[in-house]
């Protein structure tokens, strides 16, 4: 009986910590913006262009990523974790892109983002 009480207290303690450290919408937006901007930077870096074209492309790409994420990222808070969804431009089904847990947001890698873009 004593072990059951201790186990229950540990689980309740973990749940309280998870609730207190659940990331919000802004953290999801920042994590996904950083991941998407990494893809834009990689694509611009791999292209054979002049420095001016890379600079302008980076600024425009960053602006587009910021606007896309700000207008299309939607988060659901499930108390112990939060999930970020991206609303596609064509109005199809929401796509899960981030998961927040213990004050950290897990975003897709640049390879995963590139694979999704290529699949579209």
Protein backbone atom coordinates (compact mmCIF):
# COMPACT_ATOMS: atom_id res chain seq x y z
CA UNK A 1 0.00 0.00 0.00
CA UNK A 2 2.86 2.35 0.79
CA UNK A 3 4.48 1.72 -2.62
CA UNK A 4 1.20 2.52 -4.36
CA UNK A 5 0.95 5.84 -2.51
CA UNK A 6 4.52 6.80 -3.39
CA UNK A 7 3.99 5.82 -7.03
CA UNK A 8 0.80 7.87 -7.16
CA UNK A 9 2.57 10.89 -5.67
CA UNK A 10 5.38 10.59 -8.22
CA UNK A 11 2.90 10.49 -11.12
CA UNK A 12 0.96 13.43 -9.73
CA UNK A 13 4.22 15.36 -9.30
CA UNK A 14 5.26 14.65 -12.89
CA UNK A 15 1.82 15.72 -14.14
CA UNK A 16 2.02 19.00 -12.20
CA UNK A 17 5.48 19.73 -13.62
CA UNK A 18 4.23 18.94 -17.14
CA UNK A 19 1.26 21.29 -16.73
CA UNK A 20 3.46 24.09 -15.38
CA UNK A 21 6.03 23.76 -18.19
CA UNK A 22 3.67 23.31 -21.14
CA UNK A 23 4.89 25.66 -23.93
CA UNK A 24 2.53 28.18 -25.51
CA UNK A 25 1.80 29.33 -29.03
CA UNK A 26 4.72 31.75 -29.26
CA UNK A 27 7.23 29.02 -28.44
CA UNK A 28 5.75 26.83 -31.18
CA UNK A 29 5.93 29.67 -33.69
CA UNK A 30 9.54 30.44 -32.82
CA UNK A 31 10.62 26.79 -33.11
CA UNK A 32 8.90 26.25 -36.45
CA UNK A 33 10.14 29.58 -37.84
CA UNK A 34 13.70 28.58 -36.96
CA UNK A 35 13.30 25.18 -38.65
CA UNK A 36 11.70 26.65 -41.79
CA UNK A 37 14.26 29.46 -41.98
CA UNK A 38 17.00 26.82 -41.83
CA UNK A 39 15.55 25.18 -44.95
CA UNK A 40 15.39 28.53 -46.77
CA UNK A 41 19.00 29.31 -45.81
CA UNK A 42 20.18 25.87 -46.95
CA UNK A 43 18.45 26.24 -50.30
CA UNK A 44 19.89 29.70 -50.84
CA UNK A 45 23.35 28.54 -49.78
CA UNK A 46 23.33 25.60 -52.18
CA UNK A 47 22.27 27.73 -55.17
CA UNK A 48 24.99 29.26 -57.32
CA UNK A 49 24.01 32.90 -56.98
CA UNK A 50 25.69 36.21 -56.24
CA UNK A 51 25.96 37.52 -52.69
CA UNK A 52 23.36 40.20 -53.39
CA UNK A 53 20.85 37.62 -54.63
CA UNK A 54 21.44 35.45 -51.54
CA UNK A 55 20.98 38.49 -49.27
CA UNK A 56 17.74 39.57 -50.95
CA UNK A 57 16.48 35.99 -51.10
CA UNK A 58 17.24 35.51 -47.41
CA UNK A 59 15.34 38.64 -46.46
CA UNK A 60 12.34 37.78 -48.64
CA UNK A 61 12.41 34.16 -47.50
CA UNK A 62 12.51 35.19 -43.85
CA UNK A 63 9.62 37.59 -44.37
CA UNK A 64 7.57 34.90 -46.11
CA UNK A 65 8.33 32.31 -43.41
CA UNK A 66 7.33 34.75 -40.65
CA UNK A 67 4.05 35.64 -42.34
CA UNK A 68 3.22 32.03 -43.18
CA UNK A 69 3.86 30.78 -39.66
CA UNK A 70 2.09 33.71 -37.99
CA UNK A 71 -1.03 33.26 -40.10
CA UNK A 72 -1.16 29.47 -40.47
CA UNK A 73 0.20 27.92 -37.24
CA UNK A 74 -2.50 26.78 -34.84
CA UNK A 75 -1.77 25.22 -31.43
CA UNK A 76 -3.83 22.97 -29.20
CA UNK A 77 -3.04 22.86 -25.49
CA UNK A 78 -3.66 19.48 -23.87
CA UNK A 79 -2.55 20.66 -20.37
CA UNK A 80 0.46 18.30 -20.15
CA UNK A 81 1.64 18.93 -23.72
CA UNK A 82 0.80 21.16 -26.65
CA UNK A 83 0.70 20.41 -30.37
CA UNK A 84 1.19 22.85 -33.24
CA UNK A 85 -0.69 22.36 -36.50
CA UNK A 86 -0.13 24.08 -39.82
CA UNK A 87 -3.21 24.98 -41.84
CA UNK A 88 -2.44 24.19 -45.49
CA UNK A 89 -3.07 26.88 -48.08
CA UNK A 90 -5.42 24.64 -50.06
CA UNK A 91 -7.75 24.12 -47.07
CA UNK A 92 -7.03 20.42 -46.69
CA UNK A 93 -6.47 18.58 -43.40
CA UNK A 94 -4.34 20.17 -40.65
CA UNK A 95 -0.77 18.91 -40.50
CA UNK A 96 0.97 18.39 -37.14
CA UNK A 97 4.33 20.19 -37.20
CA UNK A 98 5.43 20.75 -33.58
CA UNK A 99 5.04 19.08 -30.19
CA UNK A 100 5.69 20.91 -26.94
CA UNK A 101 6.58 19.06 -23.77
CA UNK A 102 8.49 20.03 -20.60
CA UNK A 103 9.07 23.62 -21.80
CA UNK A 104 10.65 22.44 -25.07
CA UNK A 105 9.15 22.47 -28.55
CA UNK A 106 10.14 19.68 -30.90
CA UNK A 107 10.08 20.84 -34.53
CA UNK A 108 10.77 18.86 -37.71
CA UNK A 109 14.28 18.73 -39.11
CA UNK A 110 15.19 20.46 -42.35
CA UNK A 111 15.22 17.08 -44.14
CA UNK A 112 11.67 16.34 -42.97
CA UNK A 113 10.46 19.77 -44.10
CA UNK A 114 12.14 19.37 -47.47
CA UNK A 115 10.60 15.89 -47.93
CA UNK A 116 7.15 17.26 -47.16
CA UNK A 117 7.60 20.12 -49.61
CA UNK A 118 8.83 17.72 -52.31
CA UNK A 119 5.84 15.43 -51.69
CA UNK A 120 3.44 18.32 -52.28
